[in-house]
Protein backbone atom coordinates (compact mmCIF):
# COMPACT_ATOMS: atom_id res chain seq x y z
CA MET A 1 74.03 -2.84 30.49
CA ALA A 2 76.93 -0.76 29.19
CA LEU A 3 76.14 2.17 26.87
CA GLU A 4 78.60 3.90 24.59
CA ILE A 5 78.35 7.26 22.83
CA THR A 6 80.23 7.34 19.52
CA GLU A 7 80.61 9.71 16.56
CA ASP A 8 79.91 7.15 13.86
CA LEU A 9 76.19 7.70 13.25
CA ARG A 10 75.23 6.00 9.98
CA SER A 11 72.86 7.64 7.47
CA GLU A 12 70.12 5.06 8.10
CA GLU A 13 70.42 5.80 11.83
CA GLN A 14 70.07 9.53 11.12
CA SER A 15 66.80 8.78 9.32
CA LEU A 16 65.70 6.59 12.21
CA LEU A 17 66.41 9.37 14.74
CA ARG A 18 64.32 11.82 12.71
CA ARG A 19 61.50 9.28 12.42
CA ARG A 20 61.56 8.60 16.15
CA LEU A 21 61.35 12.33 16.93
CA ASP A 22 58.45 12.67 14.46
CA GLU A 23 56.69 9.75 16.18
CA PHE A 24 56.99 11.62 19.47
CA ASN A 25 55.85 14.98 18.03
CA GLU A 26 52.95 13.93 15.80
CA PRO A 27 50.44 12.92 18.51
CA ILE A 28 50.92 16.37 20.04
CA VAL A 29 51.14 18.72 17.02
CA GLY A 30 50.23 16.62 13.99
CA SER A 31 52.37 15.68 11.02
CA ALA A 32 54.95 18.25 9.92
CA ASN A 33 54.14 17.28 6.32
CA VAL A 34 57.45 18.76 5.13
CA ARG A 35 57.36 20.00 1.53
CA GLU A 36 60.53 21.21 -0.17
CA ILE A 37 60.87 24.48 -2.08
CA GLY A 38 63.53 24.68 -4.77
CA LEU A 39 63.70 27.59 -7.18
CA ALA A 40 66.34 28.10 -9.86
CA MET A 41 67.14 31.17 -11.95
CA ARG A 42 69.10 30.37 -15.11
CA ASP A 43 70.33 32.31 -18.11
CA ASP A 44 69.71 31.35 -21.77
CA ALA A 45 72.67 28.93 -21.64
CA GLY A 46 71.23 27.16 -18.59
CA GLU A 47 73.80 28.50 -16.12
CA LEU A 48 72.50 28.76 -12.56
CA LEU A 49 72.58 32.43 -11.54
CA GLY A 50 70.37 32.30 -8.47
CA GLY A 51 68.01 30.21 -6.46
CA VAL A 52 66.19 29.39 -3.26
CA LEU A 53 66.14 26.27 -1.09
CA GLY A 54 63.58 25.95 1.66
CA ALA A 55 60.83 23.87 3.15
CA VAL A 56 57.35 24.30 4.54
CA SER A 57 56.27 22.44 7.65
CA TRP A 58 53.21 23.11 9.75
CA GLN A 59 52.42 26.73 8.88
CA TRP A 60 56.04 27.94 8.61
CA CYS A 61 58.37 28.27 5.66
CA HIS A 62 62.07 27.97 6.44
CA ILE A 63 64.27 29.54 3.75
CA ASN A 64 67.62 27.80 4.08
CA VAL A 65 69.46 29.24 1.08
CA ILE A 66 68.85 32.24 -1.15
CA TRP A 67 71.64 33.21 -3.50
CA VAL A 68 72.01 35.50 -6.51
CA SER A 69 75.11 35.77 -8.67
CA GLU A 70 77.19 38.81 -7.80
CA THR A 71 76.72 40.13 -11.36
CA LEU A 72 72.94 40.31 -10.84
CA ARG A 73 72.79 41.71 -7.30
CA GLY A 74 70.94 45.00 -7.01
CA THR A 75 68.96 44.41 -10.21
CA GLY A 76 65.73 43.10 -8.67
CA TYR A 77 66.31 39.40 -9.28
CA GLY A 78 66.81 38.69 -5.57
CA SER A 79 63.49 40.37 -4.85
CA ALA A 80 61.84 38.30 -7.58
CA LEU A 81 63.24 35.07 -6.11
CA LEU A 82 62.19 35.98 -2.57
CA THR A 83 58.69 36.98 -3.70
CA ARG A 84 58.30 33.74 -5.66
CA ALA A 85 59.48 31.70 -2.65
CA GLU A 86 56.93 33.47 -0.43
CA GLU A 87 54.15 32.88 -2.98
CA THR A 88 55.10 29.21 -3.24
CA ALA A 89 55.16 28.88 0.56
CA ARG A 90 51.77 30.59 0.86
CA SER A 91 50.30 28.18 -1.71
CA MET A 92 51.57 25.32 0.50
CA GLY A 93 49.75 26.74 3.53
CA ALA A 94 52.56 28.73 5.14
CA GLU A 95 51.53 31.71 7.24
CA TYR A 96 55.06 32.75 8.23
CA VAL A 97 58.58 32.70 6.78
CA GLN A 98 61.85 32.54 8.68
CA LEU A 99 65.46 32.73 7.53
CA HIS A 100 68.96 33.42 8.79
CA THR A 101 71.36 36.04 7.48
CA PHE A 102 74.71 37.33 8.66
CA SER A 103 75.75 40.92 9.39
CA PHE A 104 77.94 40.82 6.26
CA GLN A 105 75.08 39.55 4.08
CA ALA A 106 71.59 40.87 3.36
CA ARG A 107 69.80 42.06 6.51
CA PRO A 108 68.73 45.42 4.91
CA PHE A 109 67.44 43.55 1.86
CA TYR A 110 65.18 41.37 4.00
CA GLU A 111 64.02 44.31 6.12
CA LYS A 112 63.06 46.11 2.88
CA HIS A 113 60.83 43.10 2.17
CA GLY A 114 59.08 43.22 5.55
CA TYR A 115 61.24 40.86 7.60
CA SER A 116 62.00 41.62 11.25
CA VAL A 117 64.89 40.47 13.41
CA LEU A 118 63.72 38.00 16.01
CA VAL A 119 67.14 37.01 17.40
CA GLU A 120 70.68 38.30 17.01
CA LYS A 121 73.45 35.80 17.68
CA LYS A 122 76.59 37.86 18.33
CA ASP A 123 80.09 36.67 17.45
CA PHE A 124 78.75 34.04 15.07
CA PRO A 125 81.18 33.89 13.36
CA LYS A 126 83.66 35.83 15.50
CA GLY A 127 83.35 39.56 14.84
CA HIS A 128 79.97 39.20 13.10
CA SER A 129 76.36 38.46 13.96
CA GLN A 130 73.78 36.06 12.63
CA PHE A 131 70.17 37.22 12.56
CA LEU A 132 67.07 35.05 12.71
CA MET A 133 64.45 36.98 10.77
CA PHE A 134 60.78 36.31 10.17
CA LYS A 135 57.81 37.67 8.28
CA ALA A 136 54.09 37.04 8.52
CA LEU A 137 52.60 36.27 5.12
CA GLN A 138 49.43 38.27 4.48
């Protein structure tokens, strides 16, 4: 039998790969039961000025995106979004939160909110670092 590795993975095959991995994992650790978190902050005109994208699986929340318009940074809205995301995650059964940030982004902001650096990936991107941060939810 000849096997070939290609770079043309179709979207239905991507779903199949994820399903197959879940089928392997679930007998060992149970269903991930992934639940999405999506928060939006809009002005009176409906313009998106901030938001959070994340997901809860097992007892962990993974914040993938948190963004606040430059005009609102430093005004407390980022803190409000982060707090709301943590509250939402806690209500979904999360005990911990993790996120990534870069050295040119918001590490001090997250540390102010109780996050700790777990891993520093240096030169990612070149000349900068990426930090994996986490926080235990009380």
